[in-house]
Amino acid sequence: MELKPVFDDQPEPQRRRRRRRRSSSSEDAHTPRMQDEEGRLHEARSDSEPPEDEDEDDSKPDAAEVQGPAWQGIVFALVPLLIIFFGTGRDAWSLSLTAALLGLVMILFPPQRRLPRLVLTCLGAALLAPLLAYLPYRMHGGMPFRESLAADWGLQLENFITPQPWVTFEAWAKLSLQLVWLAWCLARGFSSDQRRAMLSTLATGGVLLCWLSIVVKIGWLNIPWWTFEDVEKLVHFGPFANRNQLSSLAAITCVLCAASAYECQRRKSRLWLLYAVGFFLPVTAIFMNTSRAGLLLLFLGMTLWLGTASMRRGFFRKMALTASFILLGIALMFVASGGLSNRLLTESFGGFGSSARMQFVRESLNIVSHAPWIGVGLGNFDALFPLYASNLDPRFHSLHPENDLLWLLVEGGLSTLLPCLVLTV
């Protein structure tokens, strides 16, 4: 019997299509089983997810977030703390150290983000606008303070709007350093680990600065560069020439301590006890300084922080909210029997008197009326204010108008103030 080979008469494309149909039919047979398995896995994942009242863990970095180790955040936070400790850039050596620290950090850690055009425009305008004070004064028109300095005092002034060109240049160099540091902070970008490290470092450093201020005030320690010849020893407190600045630093430190304690407790760390105890040192500094502005900033800062923290659920947030009211009651008890209470009862909340402060504002605005857009030049307020003051006390030297925005308006004009206001928004 002769065997004949059997050949498939169908062409190759038809055989391939038949194989595809068989494979697709087998996949369809397995599809319900796979869907059931995926459904069970999805249910298992949903069961393992934390409930809504638990805090979300943000330890996993986002793909769009800037990456970086935590030790860099400690370095970034140490820079302003060291600047405050070493005299806040007031003396020449302190200013040189400040510039060196800022420049070194900006060189070693370059920016990682590109700033928007609006931010760059505002930074450039705030940087260049004060230089308009070097325009010829004849381009501006009448400036009574120049005529008074030349006629009454016999001073020969330069052909600029500013009566003190070198003083204006020094003040502009300080402002430029601050703007460059602000631009670096905006363009650097920080990771979650770096932000946590900066939070804890700033809180710890602020507590140490407040503790040093208390120790120096009591007389147990002497820091030579924290003494001021032109400031009375009874009213001086801390590393700043103005004691209200120390109270502002203490109020910010209180908020940072509360935030650090909350972050440590959320991560199941016992360090939250240290920050909770450290909270009372800056509070003590505010009461010893008898600063009403510091007390106001403390309550406002804690209210804002607790308001944002209580928006989420969680036991510790409720506990922090309850503890805040307890601390508020304790603070009011201290206020009722301390020097701060005497200032609150005997003086107005506006500084050295609301009428005197309003007179300060009126006389400062009188200076602004003669140079509203360009100003009188950075660093010239203390020299020109006596020419406009009606009831000037010769025992006091007015360095600033008790308001930073008004100070910048007098010396830099609207061309400098407006970009700075846009940056704050």
Protein backbone atom coordinates (compact mmCIF):
# COMPACT_ATOMS: atom_id res chain seq x y z
CA MET A 1 0.00 0.00 0.00
CA GLU A 2 1.48 3.24 -1.08
CA LEU A 3 1.47 6.12 1.45
CA LYS A 4 0.75 9.56 0.08
CA PRO A 5 1.71 12.72 1.88
CA VAL A 6 -1.11 14.98 3.01
CA PHE A 7 -0.70 18.66 2.25
CA ASP A 8 -2.70 21.56 3.68
CA ASP A 9 -4.30 23.34 0.80
CA GLN A 10 -4.89 26.49 2.85
CA PRO A 11 -2.37 29.25 2.38
CA GLU A 12 -0.07 30.46 5.14
CA PRO A 13 -2.09 33.59 6.14
CA GLN A 14 -5.22 31.49 6.77
CA ARG A 15 -3.32 29.11 9.07
CA ARG A 16 -2.00 32.08 11.05
CA ARG A 17 -5.48 33.51 11.41
CA ARG A 18 -6.71 30.13 12.69
CA ARG A 19 -3.97 30.07 15.33
CA ARG A 20 -4.89 33.57 16.43
CA ARG A 21 -8.55 32.58 16.83
CA ARG A 22 -7.57 29.59 18.98
CA SER A 23 -5.30 31.72 21.18
CA SER A 24 -7.94 34.42 21.56
CA SER A 25 -10.57 31.84 22.51
CA SER A 26 -8.25 30.39 25.15
CA GLU A 27 -7.59 33.90 26.53
CA ASP A 28 -11.32 34.58 26.69
CA ALA A 29 -11.76 31.38 28.66
CA HIS A 30 -9.20 32.59 31.24
CA THR A 31 -10.45 36.20 31.34
CA PRO A 32 -13.25 35.72 33.94
CA ARG A 33 -10.85 33.90 36.23
CA MET A 34 -8.26 36.68 35.92
CA GLN A 35 -10.89 39.33 36.54
CA ASP A 36 -11.99 37.51 39.66
CA GLU A 37 -8.42 37.36 40.89
CA GLU A 38 -7.90 41.09 40.18
CA GLY A 39 -11.10 41.88 42.02
CA ARG A 40 -9.95 39.92 45.07
CA LEU A 41 -6.55 41.68 44.93
CA HIS A 42 -8.27 45.07 44.70
CA GLU A 43 -10.41 44.22 47.72
CA ALA A 44 -7.30 43.12 49.61
CA ARG A 45 -5.62 46.44 48.80
CA SER A 46 -8.65 48.44 49.87
CA ASP A 47 -8.73 46.52 53.16
CA SER A 48 -5.06 47.25 53.77
CA GLU A 49 -5.44 51.00 53.14
CA PRO A 50 -5.52 53.17 56.29
CA PRO A 51 -8.82 54.73 57.29
CA GLU A 52 -9.57 58.32 56.45
CA ASP A 53 -8.83 59.56 59.93
CA GLU A 54 -5.26 58.30 59.79
CA ASP A 55 -2.49 60.64 58.66
CA GLU A 56 -1.14 60.07 55.17
CA ASP A 57 2.49 59.09 55.04
CA ASP A 58 4.41 61.42 52.73
CA SER A 59 7.73 59.65 53.20
CA LYS A 60 7.63 58.41 49.59
CA PRO A 61 8.97 61.20 47.37
CA ASP A 62 6.91 62.46 44.49
CA ALA A 63 8.31 62.00 40.99
CA ALA A 64 8.14 65.77 40.31
CA GLU A 65 9.73 66.68 43.66
CA VAL A 66 13.32 67.82 43.94
CA GLN A 67 15.42 65.07 45.49
CA GLY A 68 18.14 65.64 48.08
CA PRO A 69 19.54 64.27 51.35
CA ALA A 70 18.35 65.54 54.72
CA TRP A 71 21.77 66.82 55.82
CA GLN A 72 21.57 69.56 53.19
CA GLY A 73 18.42 70.86 54.86
CA ILE A 74 20.35 71.11 58.14
CA VAL A 75 23.03 73.17 56.37
CA PHE A 76 20.45 75.49 54.83
CA ALA A 77 18.75 76.09 58.19
CA LEU A 78 22.02 76.73 60.02
CA VAL A 79 22.86 79.71 57.80
CA PRO A 80 20.25 82.17 59.19
CA LEU A 81 20.80 80.88 62.72
CA LEU A 82 24.54 81.55 62.54
CA ILE A 83 23.92 84.98 61.03
CA ILE A 84 21.66 85.90 63.95
CA PHE A 85 24.10 84.53 66.50
CA PHE A 86 27.06 86.43 65.04
CA GLY A 87 25.53 89.88 65.22
CA THR A 88 22.86 89.89 62.45
CA GLY A 89 25.23 91.59 59.99
CA ARG A 90 25.31 94.81 61.98
CA ASP A 91 29.08 95.34 62.25
CA ALA A 92 31.54 95.13 59.37
CA TRP A 93 32.94 91.74 60.40
CA SER A 94 29.43 90.37 60.93
CA LEU A 95 28.32 91.61 57.52
CA SER A 96 31.39 90.05 55.88
CA LEU A 97 30.67 86.73 57.60
CA THR A 98 27.06 86.92 56.46
CA ALA A 99 28.04 87.50 52.84
CA ALA A 100 30.62 84.69 52.98
CA LEU A 101 28.13 82.17 54.40
CA LEU A 102 25.41 83.03 51.90
CA GLY A 103 27.81 83.02 48.96
CA LEU A 104 29.37 79.69 49.98
CA VAL A 105 25.99 77.97 50.28
CA MET A 106 24.76 79.36 46.95
CA ILE A 107 27.94 78.18 45.18
CA LEU A 108 28.01 74.70 46.71
CA PHE A 109 24.28 74.10 46.21
CA PRO A 110 23.18 75.74 42.94
CA PRO A 111 19.49 76.30 42.12
CA GLN A 112 17.55 73.41 40.60
CA ARG A 113 14.44 75.18 39.35
CA ARG A 114 13.64 77.94 36.90
CA LEU A 115 11.75 80.90 38.33
CA PRO A 116 8.67 82.31 36.58
CA ARG A 117 9.04 85.50 34.57
CA LEU A 118 6.92 87.51 36.98
CA VAL A 119 9.14 86.58 39.93
CA LEU A 120 12.31 87.35 37.96
CA THR A 121 10.87 90.69 36.84
CA CYS A 122 9.94 91.69 40.40
CA LEU A 123 13.35 90.64 41.73
CA GLY A 124 15.12 92.65 39.03
CA ALA A 125 12.91 95.69 39.62
CA ALA A 126 13.46 95.58 43.39
CA LEU A 127 17.20 95.25 42.77
CA LEU A 128 17.56 98.11 40.26
CA ALA A 129 14.92 100.59 41.45
CA PRO A 130 16.96 101.92 44.43
CA LEU A 131 19.73 102.93 42.00
CA LEU A 132 17.41 105.63 40.64
CA ALA A 133 18.53 107.71 43.63
CA TYR A 134 21.78 108.31 41.71
CA LEU A 135 19.99 110.30 39.01
CA PRO A 136 20.74 114.05 38.89
CA TYR A 137 18.50 115.80 41.38
CA ARG A 138 17.53 118.42 38.78
CA MET A 139 15.65 115.71 36.88
CA HIS A 140 13.39 115.16 39.85
CA GLY A 141 12.40 118.73 40.60
CA GLY A 142 12.22 120.50 43.93
CA MET A 143 13.49 118.63 46.97
CA PRO A 144 13.22 120.80 50.12
CA PHE A 145 15.55 118.67 52.22
CA ARG A 146 18.46 119.36 49.86
CA GLU A 147 17.85 123.08 50.06
CA SER A 148 17.65 122.88 53.85
CA LEU A 149 20.90 120.92 54.13
CA ALA A 150 22.71 123.33 51.82
CA ALA A 151 21.30 126.60 53.20
CA ASP A 152 20.87 125.89 56.93
CA TRP A 153 23.75 123.51 57.47
CA GLY A 154 26.15 124.68 54.79
CA LEU A 155 26.70 121.21 53.38
CA GLN A 156 27.96 120.72 49.84
CA LEU A 157 26.01 117.82 48.42
CA GLU A 158 26.73 115.71 45.37
CA ASN A 159 24.71 116.13 42.21
CA PHE A 160 22.48 113.15 43.08
CA ILE A 161 19.02 112.74 44.54
CA THR A 162 20.46 110.95 47.55
CA PRO A 163 22.35 113.29 49.89
CA GLN A 164 24.67 110.46 51.02
CA PRO A 165 25.80 108.44 47.99
CA TRP A 166 28.11 106.08 49.88
CA VAL A 167 25.54 105.35 52.56
CA THR A 168 22.98 104.59 49.87
CA PHE A 169 25.40 102.28 48.07
CA GLU A 170 26.13 100.34 51.28
CA ALA A 171 22.41 99.96 52.02
CA TRP A 172 21.81 98.88 48.41
CA ALA A 173 24.54 96.22 48.70
CA LYS A 174 22.80 94.80 51.80
CA LEU A 175 19.44 94.80 50.03
CA SER A 176 20.99 93.10 47.00
CA LEU A 177 22.41 90.35 49.20
CA GLN A 178 18.99 89.71 50.69
CA LEU A 179 17.28 89.64 47.28
CA VAL A 180 19.85 87.23 45.86
CA TRP A 181 19.36 84.91 48.85
CA LEU A 182 15.59 85.12 48.37
CA ALA A 183 15.97 84.25 44.68
CA TRP A 184 18.17 81.28 45.57
CA CYS A 185 15.65 79.99 48.12
CA LEU A 186 12.84 80.25 45.55
CA ALA A 187 14.85 78.54 42.81
CA ARG A 188 16.61 75.90 44.90
CA GLY A 189 13.75 73.52 45.63
CA PHE A 190 13.74 71.26 48.68
CA SER A 191 12.82 67.63 49.16
CA SER A 192 10.51 66.35 51.90
CA ASP A 193 13.46 65.12 53.97
CA GLN A 194 15.16 68.50 53.65
CA ARG A 195 12.04 70.36 54.72
CA ARG A 196 11.69 68.17 57.81
CA ALA A 197 15.37 68.70 58.63
CA MET A 198 15.03 72.46 58.21
CA LEU A 199 11.93 72.50 60.41
CA SER A 200 13.61 70.67 63.28
CA THR A 201 16.88 72.62 62.92
CA LEU A 202 15.18 76.02 62.91
CA ALA A 203 13.07 75.05 65.93
CA THR A 204 16.10 73.81 67.87
CA GLY A 205 18.23 76.80 66.89
CA GLY A 206 15.49 79.26 67.79
CA VAL A 207 15.12 77.68 71.24
CA LEU A 208 18.89 77.94 71.79
CA LEU A 209 18.93 81.61 70.73
CA CYS A 210 16.06 82.39 73.11
CA TRP A 211 17.85 80.53 75.92
CA LEU A 212 21.05 82.49 75.28
CA SER A 213 19.07 85.74 75.29
CA ILE A 214 17.58 84.88 78.67
CA VAL A 215 20.95 83.89 80.12
CA VAL A 216 22.59 87.09 78.86
CA LYS A 217 19.72 89.19 80.19
CA ILE A 218 20.03 87.63 83.64
CA GLY A 219 23.79 88.24 83.63
CA TRP A 220 25.07 84.67 83.71
CA LEU A 221 26.80 85.01 80.35
CA ASN A 222 28.33 87.82 78.34
CA ILE A 223 28.46 87.78 74.53
CA PRO A 224 30.55 90.82 73.47
CA TRP A 225 28.94 91.38 70.07
CA TRP A 226 25.45 91.37 71.62
CA THR A 227 26.05 94.65 73.47
CA PHE A 228 24.98 98.03 72.06
CA GLU A 229 26.40 101.36 73.17
CA ASP A 230 23.45 103.35 71.80
CA VAL A 231 20.79 101.16 73.42
CA GLU A 232 19.89 101.28 77.10
CA LYS A 233 20.83 98.14 79.00
CA LEU A 234 17.45 97.97 80.72
CA VAL A 235 15.48 97.71 77.47
CA HIS A 236 17.99 95.67 75.44
CA PHE A 237 17.22 91.97 75.00
CA GLY A 238 18.82 89.45 72.67
CA PRO A 239 21.13 89.75 69.64
CA PHE A 240 19.05 92.44 67.91
CA ALA A 241 19.23 96.18 68.42
CA ASN A 242 15.43 96.30 68.52
CA ARG A 243 13.96 94.02 71.17
CA ASN A 244 10.76 93.54 69.16
CA GLN A 245 12.78 91.55 66.64
CA LEU A 246 13.76 89.05 69.34
CA SER A 247 10.11 88.70 70.31
CA SER A 248 9.20 88.06 66.67
CA LEU A 249 11.88 85.37 66.50
CA ALA A 250 10.54 83.81 69.73
CA ALA A 251 6.98 83.78 68.41
CA ILE A 252 8.10 82.08 65.18
CA THR A 253 10.10 79.57 67.22
CA CYS A 254 6.99 78.66 69.23
CA VAL A 255 5.11 77.81 66.05
CA LEU A 256 8.09 75.81 64.73
CA CYS A 257 8.32 73.87 68.00
CA ALA A 258 4.62 73.02 67.85
CA ALA A 259 4.95 71.89 64.22
CA SER A 260 8.07 69.84 65.01
CA ALA A 261 6.38 68.16 67.96
CA TYR A 262 3.41 67.27 65.78
CA GLU A 263 5.67 65.88 63.03
CA CYS A 264 7.66 63.77 65.51
CA GLN A 265 4.52 62.37 67.12
CA ARG A 266 3.07 61.55 63.71
CA ARG A 267 6.20 59.54 62.94
CA LYS A 268 6.07 57.79 66.35
CA SER A 269 9.19 59.54 67.62
CA ARG A 270 9.64 60.48 71.26
CA LEU A 271 11.49 63.66 70.32
CA TRP A 272 8.15 65.46 70.39
CA LEU A 273 8.56 65.72 74.17
CA LEU A 274 11.74 67.81 73.70
CA TYR A 275 9.99 70.21 71.34
CA ALA A 276 7.02 70.44 73.67
CA VAL A 277 9.32 71.42 76.54
CA GLY A 278 11.31 73.74 74.27
CA PHE A 279 8.10 75.59 73.45
CA PHE A 280 8.19 77.30 76.85
CA LEU A 281 11.64 78.90 76.45
CA PRO A 282 10.63 81.33 73.68
CA VAL A 283 7.38 82.00 75.55
CA THR A 284 9.46 82.93 78.60
CA ALA A 285 11.61 85.20 76.43
CA ILE A 286 8.51 87.04 75.19
CA PHE A 287 7.28 87.68 78.73
CA MET A 288 10.71 88.72 80.00
CA ASN A 289 11.02 91.10 77.05
CA THR A 290 7.57 92.58 77.84
CA SER A 291 6.86 92.75 74.12
CA ARG A 292 3.22 93.14 73.13
CA ALA A 293 4.03 92.61 69.46
CA GLY A 294 5.63 89.25 70.30
CA LEU A 295 2.58 88.22 72.30
CA LEU A 296 0.30 89.14 69.42
CA LEU A 297 2.44 87.23 66.90
CA LEU A 298 2.49 84.21 69.20
CA PHE A 299 -1.28 83.96 69.43
CA LEU A 300 -1.79 84.70 65.74
CA GLY A 301 0.84 82.17 64.67
CA MET A 302 -0.48 79.42 66.93
CA THR A 303 -4.05 80.12 65.84
CA LEU A 304 -3.14 79.88 62.16
CA TRP A 305 -1.10 76.70 62.65
CA LEU A 306 -3.76 75.01 64.77
CA GLY A 307 -6.41 76.07 62.29
CA THR A 308 -4.60 74.36 59.42
CA ALA A 309 -3.68 71.31 61.53
CA SER A 310 -7.20 70.76 62.84
CA MET A 311 -8.57 70.57 59.29
CA ARG A 312 -7.31 67.00 59.22
CA ARG A 313 -8.47 64.25 61.50
CA GLY A 314 -6.42 62.50 64.14
CA PHE A 315 -6.12 62.19 67.90
CA PHE A 316 -2.93 64.21 68.23
CA ARG A 317 -4.44 67.15 66.38
CA LYS A 318 -7.33 67.23 68.80
CA MET A 319 -4.89 66.92 71.68
CA ALA A 320 -2.79 69.77 70.31
CA LEU A 321 -5.88 71.94 69.97
CA THR A 322 -6.87 71.22 73.56
CA ALA A 323 -3.33 71.83 74.81
CA SER A 324 -3.26 75.17 73.02
CA PHE A 325 -6.21 76.43 75.05
CA ILE A 326 -4.49 75.23 78.23
CA LEU A 327 -1.32 77.08 77.25
CA LEU A 328 -3.40 80.14 76.45
CA GLY A 329 -4.90 80.09 79.94
CA ILE A 330 -1.47 79.68 81.54
CA ALA A 331 -0.12 82.54 79.44
CA LEU A 332 -2.97 84.80 80.51
CA MET A 333 -2.22 83.97 84.14
CA PHE A 334 1.40 85.02 83.65
CA VAL A 335 0.35 88.17 81.82
CA ALA A 336 -1.99 89.16 84.63
CA SER A 337 0.88 89.32 87.16
CA GLY A 338 3.93 90.37 85.14
CA GLY A 339 5.58 93.36 83.51
CA LEU A 340 3.82 92.64 80.26
CA SER A 341 0.45 93.10 81.91
CA ASN A 342 1.53 96.52 83.18
CA ARG A 343 2.42 97.59 79.65
CA LEU A 344 -0.86 96.28 78.32
CA LEU A 345 -2.84 98.15 80.98
CA THR A 346 -0.92 101.43 81.14
CA GLU A 347 0.14 101.85 77.51
CA SER A 348 -1.57 101.50 74.18
CA PHE A 349 -0.88 98.59 71.89
CA GLY A 350 0.68 100.77 69.22
CA GLY A 351 4.22 101.04 70.59
CA PHE A 352 5.33 104.07 72.53
CA GLY A 353 1.89 105.61 72.19
CA SER A 354 -0.66 105.68 69.42
CA SER A 355 -0.55 109.48 69.07
CA ALA A 356 3.24 109.50 68.82
CA ARG A 357 3.15 106.66 66.31
CA MET A 358 0.58 108.43 64.15
CA GLN A 359 2.73 111.54 64.25
CA PHE A 360 5.65 109.40 63.10
CA VAL A 361 3.56 108.17 60.19
CA ARG A 362 2.41 111.66 59.18
CA GLU A 363 5.93 113.07 59.22
CA SER A 364 7.26 110.10 57.27
CA LEU A 365 4.54 110.51 54.65
CA ASN A 366 5.53 114.17 54.41
CA ILE A 367 8.97 113.00 53.28
CA VAL A 368 7.35 110.64 50.80
CA SER A 369 5.34 113.48 49.27
CA HIS A 370 8.55 115.10 48.01
CA ALA A 371 9.88 111.93 46.36
CA PRO A 372 7.02 109.42 46.00
CA TRP A 373 8.42 107.25 43.19
CA ILE A 374 12.19 107.33 43.70
CA GLY A 375 12.47 108.02 47.43
CA VAL A 376 15.23 109.88 49.19
CA GLY A 377 17.80 107.09 48.85
CA LEU A 378 18.44 104.01 50.94
CA GLY A 379 19.97 104.67 54.36
CA ASN A 380 18.89 108.33 54.59
CA PHE A 381 15.87 108.17 56.89
CA ASP A 382 17.72 108.81 60.17
CA ALA A 383 19.55 111.79 58.64
CA LEU A 384 16.52 113.46 57.02
CA PHE A 385 13.75 112.74 59.53
CA PRO A 386 14.82 115.50 62.00
CA LEU A 387 14.28 118.04 59.18
CA TYR A 388 10.58 117.08 59.04
CA ALA A 389 9.91 116.27 62.71
CA SER A 390 7.83 118.89 64.53
CA ASN A 391 8.25 117.72 68.15
CA LEU A 392 11.69 116.12 68.12
CA ASP A 393 13.10 114.87 71.42
CA PRO A 394 16.88 115.42 71.39
CA ARG A 395 17.39 112.45 73.73
CA PHE A 396 16.29 109.98 71.06
CA HIS A 397 17.60 109.20 67.60
CA SER A 398 14.97 107.97 65.17
CA LEU A 399 16.53 105.20 63.08
CA HIS A 400 13.30 104.04 61.38
CA PRO A 401 9.60 105.00 61.26
CA GLU A 402 8.46 101.94 63.32
CA ASN A 403 7.13 100.30 60.15
CA ASP A 404 9.16 98.38 57.59
CA LEU A 405 6.85 99.10 54.65
CA LEU A 406 6.81 102.81 55.42
CA TRP A 407 10.58 102.73 55.86
CA LEU A 408 11.05 101.20 52.41
CA LEU A 409 8.57 103.67 50.93
CA VAL A 410 10.46 106.67 52.32
CA GLU A 411 13.89 105.55 51.19
CA GLY A 412 13.13 103.54 48.04
CA GLY A 413 9.85 104.99 46.85
CA LEU A 414 7.00 103.20 45.13
CA SER A 415 9.36 101.87 42.45
CA THR A 416 11.01 99.70 45.13
CA LEU A 417 8.02 98.99 47.36
CA LEU A 418 5.63 97.70 44.67
CA PRO A 419 7.88 94.86 43.39
CA CYS A 420 8.52 93.77 46.96
CA LEU A 421 4.80 93.65 47.66
CA VAL A 422 4.23 91.52 44.55
CA LEU A 423 6.93 89.11 45.74
CA THR A 424 5.20 88.69 49.09
CA VAL A 425 1.95 87.75 47.35
